[in-house]
Amino acid sequence: MLARGHKVSMFSNIEHKRAIESCGITFVEAGPEVNYAGCIGNPNFWHPIKGMGVYWRSMLAPSIIPLYQYIQAQQRLGKSLHVVAGPFMLGARLAQLHLGIQLTSAYTAPSMLRTLVAPVCIAHTYWPRHTPRFALRAVWKVLDHYKLEPMARAKLTAICAQLQIAAPPSNTSIFDTWMHSPSGLALFPQWFAPRKADYPQGMQYADFPRYQLDALTDLSPALKNFLAQGDPPIVVTFGTGMAHASVQFSVLQTALRQTKLRAVFLSQQPAQLPAQSEDNHRFIYCDYAPFSKLLSQCAGIVHHGGIGTSAQALAAGIPQIIQAHGHDQFENARCIAALGVGQRLARNAQINDVLSALRRWINNPKHKPALAKAQMLAKSSSIDALCEKLEAA
C-alpha cells in the first residue's frame, strides 16, 4: 500500500515497533496496558477454550480505548481514514458506529467467521458435514452465554461509558454479527475455505498475504550444509510465540528416531527443544529459518496450524501434519485436510500417532496430485489484487 502511494499507519503492540518502522510504516502504539509478553507466555493462551479469555484480558480489551482515541484524533485533524482491522479489534468497530469512519473487517483465518454450516471446527471440536444447523446454533448459544458474554460484556460496557458512547445492544452477542463491518475482506482465498451461506454478505475473498520479506534472509551456513548432506528433511515447528511445546517436541523427536527421516526443529524458545545428542547427523535445531527458502527443500512439515505457516507450506507443495493447540489453528487444519494435503494430530498425540501420520504423508506419491494443485493455486496469490480490493472497498 505504501508503494501504491498511500500513507500507512499500523496500530500494534510495542514489540512490533522495530519491524513495522523498518518497512517505512508509521507505528502507532496500542498502549502500555497491552501485555503481549504476558499473553503468549501464559500456557492457557494456547488452550482451545481458555485461550480467548487470556487474549481478551491481555490484548484485546486494553487496546479498545487507545485505538478508538487514535482514530478520533486523526478524524479531528481532518484526515480521511480507511481502517483495516481484524473483527476482534473492537475499538475500530466502535469508531465506525460512532465516528462514521470507513472500516474494512479483515479476516486472517476462516475461524473468524462464525457459521452454522458444517463441516466446521468450533474450538477443538470437529462438526462433520450434515450436522444440523440447530445443533451448531445451540453450541454457539452456550458459548456466548457461559463464556464469551461474561468475559467481555461488562468490560466493553464500562469502556463505552468512559468514551461516552452507546454500548452494544444487550440482545445481540458481541462476537456474533455485531463485531463485523458491513465491508469485509478475507485474507485467504475461496479455494482454501469455500464461502458458506451465512458468511457476511459484504465480505469479499482475496488471497493469502504470504510473507515475502524472509526471502531477503539467507539460510544459515549450518542449515545449508545440513540440507546438502542427505534426503529432504521434514520441518518441526510450533510457531514464533509458542514457549510451551517441550512435550510435543520430545514426542516428535522420539517418533522420528524410529524412522529414517531427517528433521529441522525450529523454535525461538530454545529451552523447549529436545536434547541434542547422537542425532546431530539427522536432526538440526535452529531458532529461525526463512520459510520461503527452506520449505521448498523439505519433504513435509509438522506444525501448529497457524495461517501463515499453512499458506507457506501450501506454496511449497509439501504435506502438512498439524498439531493444533488454540484459536484459528483447528479450523485451518480442517481446511488443509479437506484439500487433501495434510491431516490434524490430536493435541495429546503419542508416538504411534505421529509414526502413523508420517508414514501416511511423507514421501507418499499418492498425495502428489493434490499437493501440486494446491501449490499452483497458492503460488498464484497476488498482493496487488489484495491491495486493489482494499482500494475499491
Protein backbone atom coordinates (compact mmCIF):
# COMPACT_ATOMS: atom_id res chain seq x y z
CA MET A 1 0.00 0.00 0.00
CA LEU A 2 2.95 2.31 0.60
CA ALA A 3 4.30 1.56 -2.87
CA ARG A 4 0.88 2.37 -4.32
CA GLY A 5 1.04 5.89 -2.90
CA HIS A 6 -0.91 5.53 0.33
CA LYS A 7 0.06 6.76 3.77
CA VAL A 8 0.03 3.75 6.06
CA SER A 9 -0.03 3.56 9.85
CA MET A 10 -0.07 0.31 11.82
CA PHE A 11 -1.61 0.04 15.27
CA SER A 12 0.18 -2.66 17.26
CA ASN A 13 1.94 -3.54 20.49
CA ILE A 14 5.38 -2.12 21.20
CA GLU A 15 7.19 -5.41 20.50
CA HIS A 16 6.48 -4.98 16.78
CA LYS A 17 7.59 -1.35 16.53
CA ARG A 18 11.02 -2.03 15.06
CA ALA A 19 9.75 -4.41 12.39
CA ILE A 20 6.95 -2.03 11.39
CA GLU A 21 9.14 1.05 11.19
CA SER A 22 11.83 -0.82 9.26
CA CYS A 23 9.28 -1.17 6.46
CA GLY A 24 8.66 2.58 6.39
CA ILE A 25 5.27 2.29 8.10
CA THR A 26 4.19 4.71 10.82
CA PHE A 27 3.90 2.84 14.12
CA VAL A 28 1.00 3.58 16.48
CA GLU A 29 1.41 2.05 19.92
CA ALA A 30 -1.53 0.07 21.24
CA GLY A 31 -0.88 1.35 24.74
CA PRO A 32 1.06 0.33 27.85
CA GLU A 33 -1.71 -1.90 29.20
CA VAL A 34 -1.43 -4.28 26.24
CA ASN A 35 0.57 -7.21 27.60
CA TYR A 36 1.88 -9.18 24.62
CA ALA A 37 4.63 -11.00 26.51
CA GLY A 38 2.27 -11.98 29.29
CA CYS A 39 -0.28 -13.18 26.77
CA ILE A 40 1.88 -15.53 24.71
CA GLY A 41 3.81 -16.57 27.84
CA ASN A 42 0.64 -17.79 29.53
CA PRO A 43 0.16 -21.54 28.91
CA ASN A 44 -3.61 -21.01 28.89
CA PHE A 45 -3.31 -18.79 25.83
CA TRP A 46 -2.73 -21.97 23.85
CA HIS A 47 -5.74 -23.77 25.32
CA PRO A 48 -8.68 -24.26 22.91
CA ILE A 49 -11.22 -22.86 25.41
CA LYS A 50 -9.24 -20.76 27.89
CA GLY A 51 -7.14 -19.05 25.21
CA MET A 52 -9.76 -16.48 24.22
CA GLY A 53 -10.05 -15.23 27.79
CA VAL A 54 -6.29 -14.70 28.03
CA TYR A 55 -6.30 -12.94 24.66
CA TRP A 56 -9.21 -10.69 25.70
CA ARG A 57 -7.72 -9.64 29.03
CA SER A 58 -4.13 -9.20 27.84
CA MET A 59 -4.51 -7.82 24.32
CA LEU A 60 -8.00 -7.10 23.05
CA ALA A 61 -9.70 -5.20 25.87
CA PRO A 62 -6.70 -2.95 26.69
CA SER A 63 -6.43 -1.90 23.02
CA ILE A 64 -10.02 -0.67 22.59
CA ILE A 65 -9.70 2.84 24.03
CA PRO A 66 -6.26 3.62 22.51
CA LEU A 67 -7.46 2.56 19.05
CA TYR A 68 -10.73 4.49 19.28
CA GLN A 69 -8.99 7.62 20.54
CA TYR A 70 -6.28 7.44 17.86
CA ILE A 71 -8.92 7.22 15.13
CA GLN A 72 -10.87 10.06 16.77
CA ALA A 73 -7.74 12.25 16.92
CA GLN A 74 -6.94 11.64 13.26
CA GLN A 75 -10.50 12.48 12.31
CA ARG A 76 -10.37 15.74 14.26
CA LEU A 77 -7.26 16.66 12.28
CA GLY A 78 -9.38 16.38 9.15
CA LYS A 79 -7.77 13.21 7.87
CA SER A 80 -9.75 10.82 5.71
CA LEU A 81 -9.23 7.31 7.08
CA HIS A 82 -9.74 3.82 5.74
CA VAL A 83 -9.27 1.49 8.69
CA VAL A 84 -8.49 -2.17 8.05
CA ALA A 85 -8.80 -4.22 11.22
CA GLY A 86 -9.49 -7.70 12.42
CA PRO A 87 -13.05 -8.11 13.73
CA PHE A 88 -11.79 -8.58 17.29
CA MET A 89 -10.33 -5.05 17.25
CA LEU A 90 -13.46 -3.61 18.79
CA GLY A 91 -12.09 -0.06 19.01
CA ALA A 92 -12.29 0.11 15.22
CA ARG A 93 -15.87 -1.17 15.17
CA LEU A 94 -16.92 1.38 17.80
CA ALA A 95 -15.24 4.12 15.73
CA GLN A 96 -17.20 3.05 12.68
CA LEU A 97 -20.50 3.09 14.55
CA HIS A 98 -19.95 6.33 16.47
CA LEU A 99 -17.47 8.33 14.38
CA GLY A 100 -18.56 7.19 10.93
CA ILE A 101 -15.12 6.12 9.71
CA GLN A 102 -14.63 3.70 6.81
CA LEU A 103 -13.84 0.23 8.14
CA THR A 104 -12.99 -3.00 6.38
CA SER A 105 -13.04 -6.07 8.61
CA ALA A 106 -10.01 -8.18 7.68
CA TYR A 107 -10.34 -11.91 8.30
CA THR A 108 -6.93 -13.52 8.56
CA ALA A 109 -8.39 -17.01 9.05
CA PRO A 110 -11.74 -18.79 8.45
CA SER A 111 -12.40 -19.28 12.17
CA MET A 112 -13.11 -15.54 12.47
CA LEU A 113 -16.34 -16.14 10.55
CA ARG A 114 -18.95 -17.70 12.80
CA THR A 115 -21.04 -20.23 10.89
CA LEU A 116 -23.92 -22.66 11.35
CA VAL A 117 -22.92 -24.57 8.23
CA ALA A 118 -20.84 -27.71 8.81
CA PRO A 119 -18.21 -29.03 8.39
CA VAL A 120 -16.52 -26.71 10.83
CA CYS A 121 -14.32 -26.74 13.91
CA ILE A 122 -15.59 -24.81 16.92
CA ALA A 123 -12.67 -24.57 19.31
CA HIS A 124 -11.10 -28.06 19.09
CA THR A 125 -14.32 -29.93 18.26
CA TYR A 126 -14.99 -31.06 14.70
CA TRP A 127 -18.58 -30.96 13.49
CA PRO A 128 -18.95 -33.06 10.32
CA ARG A 129 -20.92 -32.32 7.19
CA HIS A 130 -24.70 -32.55 7.61
CA THR A 131 -24.58 -31.54 11.28
CA PRO A 132 -27.97 -29.81 11.73
CA ARG A 133 -27.91 -26.04 11.98
CA PHE A 134 -29.91 -26.11 15.18
CA ALA A 135 -27.12 -28.13 16.82
CA LEU A 136 -24.45 -25.58 15.90
CA ARG A 137 -26.77 -22.73 16.87
CA ALA A 138 -27.11 -24.33 20.30
CA VAL A 139 -23.31 -24.69 20.62
CA TRP A 140 -22.77 -21.01 19.86
CA LYS A 141 -25.56 -20.02 22.23
CA VAL A 142 -23.93 -21.98 25.05
CA LEU A 143 -20.50 -20.47 24.29
CA ASP A 144 -21.96 -16.96 24.20
CA HIS A 145 -23.96 -17.42 27.41
CA TYR A 146 -21.35 -19.14 29.54
CA LYS A 147 -18.03 -17.96 28.08
CA LEU A 148 -17.93 -15.02 25.68
CA GLU A 149 -20.54 -12.62 27.02
CA PRO A 150 -19.49 -12.99 30.70
CA MET A 151 -15.90 -12.47 29.55
CA ALA A 152 -16.47 -9.26 27.57
CA ARG A 153 -19.85 -7.59 28.11
CA ALA A 154 -19.23 -5.76 31.40
CA LYS A 155 -15.77 -4.57 30.34
CA LEU A 156 -16.96 -3.32 26.96
CA THR A 157 -19.94 -1.55 28.55
CA ALA A 158 -17.61 0.22 31.00
CA ILE A 159 -15.31 1.24 28.14
CA CYS A 160 -18.21 2.69 26.19
CA ALA A 161 -19.30 4.65 29.26
CA GLN A 162 -15.77 6.03 29.59
CA LEU A 163 -15.82 7.05 25.91
CA GLN A 164 -19.33 8.47 26.36
CA ILE A 165 -20.82 6.35 23.59
CA ALA A 166 -23.58 3.76 23.49
CA ALA A 167 -22.66 0.18 24.33
CA PRO A 168 -23.60 -2.71 22.02
CA PRO A 169 -27.26 -3.71 22.44
CA SER A 170 -27.81 -6.39 25.04
CA ASN A 171 -29.96 -8.53 22.74
CA THR A 172 -27.07 -9.38 20.42
CA SER A 173 -23.83 -11.24 21.01
CA ILE A 174 -20.71 -9.07 20.82
CA PHE A 175 -18.83 -11.78 18.95
CA ASP A 176 -21.61 -12.77 16.54
CA THR A 177 -22.76 -10.27 13.92
CA TRP A 178 -22.17 -7.08 15.94
CA MET A 179 -18.38 -7.02 15.61
CA HIS A 180 -18.38 -7.26 11.79
CA SER A 181 -18.26 -4.26 9.49
CA PRO A 182 -20.65 -4.43 6.52
CA SER A 183 -17.49 -4.36 4.40
CA GLY A 184 -15.10 -7.30 4.87
CA LEU A 185 -12.13 -8.92 3.19
CA ALA A 186 -10.93 -12.49 3.66
CA LEU A 187 -7.13 -12.65 3.65
CA PHE A 188 -7.33 -16.19 2.35
CA PRO A 189 -8.70 -17.50 -0.95
CA GLN A 190 -12.06 -19.11 -1.56
CA TRP A 191 -10.47 -22.38 -2.66
CA PHE A 192 -8.97 -22.68 0.84
CA ALA A 193 -12.24 -22.04 2.71
CA PRO A 194 -15.27 -22.01 0.38
CA ARG A 195 -17.97 -19.44 1.10
CA LYS A 196 -20.78 -20.57 3.36
CA ALA A 197 -24.34 -19.33 3.13
CA ASP A 198 -24.19 -17.42 6.42
CA TYR A 199 -20.89 -15.61 5.87
CA PRO A 200 -21.27 -11.79 5.93
CA GLN A 201 -22.79 -10.66 2.65
CA GLY A 202 -20.35 -7.79 2.27
CA MET A 203 -17.26 -9.99 2.58
CA GLN A 204 -15.03 -10.43 -0.44
CA TYR A 205 -12.30 -13.01 -0.89
CA ALA A 206 -8.71 -12.01 -1.53
CA ASP A 207 -5.51 -14.07 -1.26
CA PHE A 208 -3.03 -15.13 1.37
CA PRO A 209 -0.71 -12.18 2.05
CA ARG A 210 2.22 -14.59 2.17
CA TYR A 211 5.26 -13.22 3.97
CA GLN A 212 7.89 -12.44 1.37
CA LEU A 213 10.48 -10.37 3.25
CA ASP A 214 12.09 -13.51 4.64
CA ALA A 215 13.38 -14.13 1.11
CA LEU A 216 15.89 -11.36 1.88
CA THR A 217 17.33 -13.55 4.67
CA ASP A 218 19.62 -16.38 3.67
CA LEU A 219 19.66 -19.81 5.24
CA SER A 220 22.40 -20.19 7.83
CA PRO A 221 25.59 -21.95 6.71
CA ALA A 222 24.89 -24.79 9.15
CA LEU A 223 21.38 -25.30 7.75
CA LYS A 224 22.63 -25.12 4.16
CA ASN A 225 25.21 -27.76 4.95
CA PHE A 226 22.60 -29.96 6.66
CA LEU A 227 20.24 -29.76 3.67
CA ALA A 228 23.04 -30.73 1.31
CA GLN A 229 24.05 -33.80 3.33
CA GLY A 230 21.06 -36.07 2.71
CA ASP A 231 17.44 -36.55 1.78
CA PRO A 232 14.97 -33.65 2.14
CA PRO A 233 14.05 -33.35 5.82
CA ILE A 234 10.77 -32.50 7.47
CA VAL A 235 10.34 -29.27 9.43
CA VAL A 236 9.01 -29.36 13.00
CA THR A 237 7.77 -26.08 14.48
CA PHE A 238 5.00 -24.80 16.74
CA GLY A 239 5.19 -21.13 15.81
CA THR A 240 7.06 -17.99 16.80
CA GLY A 241 5.20 -17.31 20.03
CA MET A 242 4.90 -20.83 21.44
CA ALA A 243 7.04 -21.45 24.53
CA HIS A 244 5.17 -24.44 25.98
CA ALA A 245 5.69 -27.21 23.44
CA SER A 246 8.52 -29.16 25.05
CA VAL A 247 6.36 -32.29 25.41
CA GLN A 248 5.25 -32.14 21.78
CA PHE A 249 8.81 -31.60 20.54
CA SER A 250 10.01 -34.53 22.63
CA VAL A 251 7.29 -36.87 21.33
CA LEU A 252 8.08 -35.89 17.76
CA GLN A 253 11.82 -36.36 18.24
CA THR A 254 11.26 -39.80 19.77
CA ALA A 255 8.99 -40.81 16.90
CA LEU A 256 11.43 -39.54 14.29
CA ARG A 257 14.23 -41.57 15.85
CA GLN A 258 12.22 -44.67 14.86
CA THR A 259 12.25 -43.62 11.19
CA LYS A 260 14.94 -42.84 8.66
CA LEU A 261 13.68 -39.28 8.26
CA ARG A 262 15.80 -36.22 8.87
CA ALA A 263 14.32 -33.14 10.56
CA VAL A 264 14.77 -29.42 11.12
CA PHE A 265 13.48 -28.38 14.56
CA LEU A 266 12.58 -24.68 14.70
CA SER A 267 11.85 -22.60 17.79
CA GLN A 268 12.70 -19.13 19.05
CA GLN A 269 12.41 -20.57 22.56
CA PRO A 270 15.38 -23.00 22.57
CA ALA A 271 14.67 -24.20 26.12
CA GLN A 272 11.67 -26.16 24.82
CA LEU A 273 13.65 -28.00 22.14
CA PRO A 274 14.63 -31.59 22.93
CA ALA A 275 18.16 -32.52 23.90
CA GLN A 276 20.69 -32.62 21.11
CA SER A 277 22.83 -35.71 21.28
CA GLU A 278 23.63 -38.57 18.93
CA ASP A 279 21.11 -37.35 16.37
CA ASN A 280 23.17 -34.43 15.09
CA HIS A 281 23.64 -36.12 11.73
CA ARG A 282 19.86 -36.49 11.25
CA PHE A 283 18.45 -33.53 13.16
CA ILE A 284 19.31 -29.85 13.27
CA TYR A 285 17.97 -27.33 15.79
CA CYS A 286 17.51 -23.69 14.73
CA ASP A 287 15.86 -20.59 16.18
CA TYR A 288 14.78 -19.30 12.76
CA ALA A 289 14.83 -20.09 9.06
CA PRO A 290 13.10 -18.26 6.18
CA PHE A 291 10.24 -20.49 5.05
CA SER A 292 10.22 -19.10 1.53
CA LYS A 293 13.71 -20.62 1.09
CA LEU A 294 13.53 -23.62 3.40
CA LEU A 295 10.20 -25.36 2.78
CA SER A 296 10.71 -25.99 -0.93
CA GLN A 297 13.72 -28.14 0.04
CA CYS A 298 11.77 -30.24 2.54
CA ALA A 299 9.62 -33.36 2.39
CA GLY A 300 6.91 -32.09 4.74
CA ILE A 301 6.16 -30.07 7.83
CA VAL A 302 4.73 -30.77 11.28
CA HIS A 303 3.34 -27.53 12.70
CA HIS A 304 0.73 -25.81 14.84
CA GLY A 305 -1.68 -24.80 12.10
CA GLY A 306 -1.05 -21.06 12.06
CA ILE A 307 -2.46 -19.50 8.91
CA GLY A 308 0.89 -18.04 7.80
CA THR A 309 2.74 -21.33 8.12
CA SER A 310 -0.14 -23.16 6.41
CA ALA A 311 -0.02 -20.75 3.46
CA GLN A 312 3.77 -21.06 3.09
CA ALA A 313 3.57 -24.86 3.15
CA LEU A 314 0.81 -24.82 0.50
CA ALA A 315 3.01 -22.67 -1.74
CA ALA A 316 5.93 -25.07 -1.20
CA GLY A 317 3.77 -28.04 -2.21
CA ILE A 318 4.62 -30.15 0.84
CA PRO A 319 2.31 -32.24 3.08
CA GLN A 320 1.28 -30.80 6.43
CA ILE A 321 0.78 -32.65 9.71
CA ILE A 322 -0.90 -30.19 12.05
CA GLN A 323 -0.96 -30.43 15.83
CA ALA A 324 -3.28 -27.53 16.62
CA HIS A 325 -3.45 -26.01 20.10
CA GLY A 326 -5.75 -22.99 20.02
CA HIS A 327 -7.53 -20.14 18.26
CA ASP A 328 -7.75 -20.44 14.45
CA GLN A 329 -5.49 -23.48 14.22
CA PHE A 330 -8.17 -26.20 14.41
CA GLU A 331 -10.24 -24.79 11.56
CA ASN A 332 -7.10 -24.17 9.49
CA ALA A 333 -6.19 -27.84 9.98
CA ARG A 334 -9.67 -28.87 8.85
CA CYS A 335 -9.28 -26.80 5.67
CA ILE A 336 -5.87 -28.37 4.98
CA ALA A 337 -7.32 -31.87 5.41
CA ALA A 338 -10.27 -31.02 3.14
CA LEU A 339 -7.79 -30.07 0.40
CA GLY A 340 -6.17 -33.50 0.71
CA VAL A 341 -2.74 -32.10 1.57
CA GLY A 342 -2.45 -32.99 5.25
CA GLN A 343 -4.07 -34.10 8.48
CA ARG A 344 -4.59 -32.96 12.05
CA LEU A 345 -2.94 -34.68 15.01
CA ALA A 346 -4.57 -34.61 18.44
CA ARG A 347 -3.15 -32.16 20.99
CA ASN A 348 -2.03 -35.14 23.08
CA ALA A 349 -0.82 -37.29 20.17
CA GLN A 350 1.52 -40.09 21.18
CA ILE A 351 4.47 -41.65 19.38
CA ASN A 352 2.41 -44.20 17.45
CA ASP A 353 0.04 -41.45 16.25
CA VAL A 354 2.99 -39.48 14.93
CA LEU A 355 4.51 -42.51 13.23
CA SER A 356 1.19 -43.30 11.53
CA ALA A 357 0.90 -39.74 10.23
CA LEU A 358 4.49 -39.69 8.99
CA ARG A 359 4.01 -42.98 7.12
CA ARG A 360 0.81 -41.72 5.56
CA TRP A 361 2.09 -38.36 4.33
CA ILE A 362 5.86 -38.16 3.97
CA ASN A 363 7.21 -39.27 0.59
CA ASN A 364 3.88 -40.85 -0.36
CA PRO A 365 3.37 -40.44 -4.12
CA LYS A 366 -0.42 -40.76 -3.96
CA HIS A 367 -0.67 -37.27 -2.49
CA LYS A 368 1.32 -35.57 -5.27
CA PRO A 369 -1.68 -34.52 -7.44
CA ALA A 370 -3.46 -32.75 -4.56
CA LEU A 371 -0.23 -31.14 -3.38
CA ALA A 372 0.63 -29.94 -6.88
CA LYS A 373 -2.84 -28.46 -7.37
CA ALA A 374 -2.76 -26.62 -4.04
CA GLN A 375 0.75 -25.37 -4.74
CA MET A 376 -0.31 -23.96 -8.12
CA LEU A 377 -3.25 -22.15 -6.52
CA ALA A 378 -1.22 -20.82 -3.59
CA LYS A 379 1.59 -19.55 -5.80
CA SER A 380 -0.91 -17.61 -7.91
CA SER A 381 -1.87 -15.42 -4.94
CA SER A 382 -1.35 -11.74 -5.65
CA ILE A 383 -0.66 -8.99 -3.13
CA ASP A 384 -1.55 -6.46 -5.84
CA ALA A 385 -5.01 -7.97 -6.23
CA LEU A 386 -5.49 -7.77 -2.47
CA CYS A 387 -4.48 -4.10 -2.45
CA GLU A 388 -6.83 -3.35 -5.33
CA LYS A 389 -9.74 -4.81 -3.38
CA LEU A 390 -8.84 -2.68 -0.38
CA GLU A 391 -8.71 0.43 -2.55
CA ALA A 392 -12.10 -0.39 -4.03
CA ALA A 393 -13.76 -1.13 -0.65
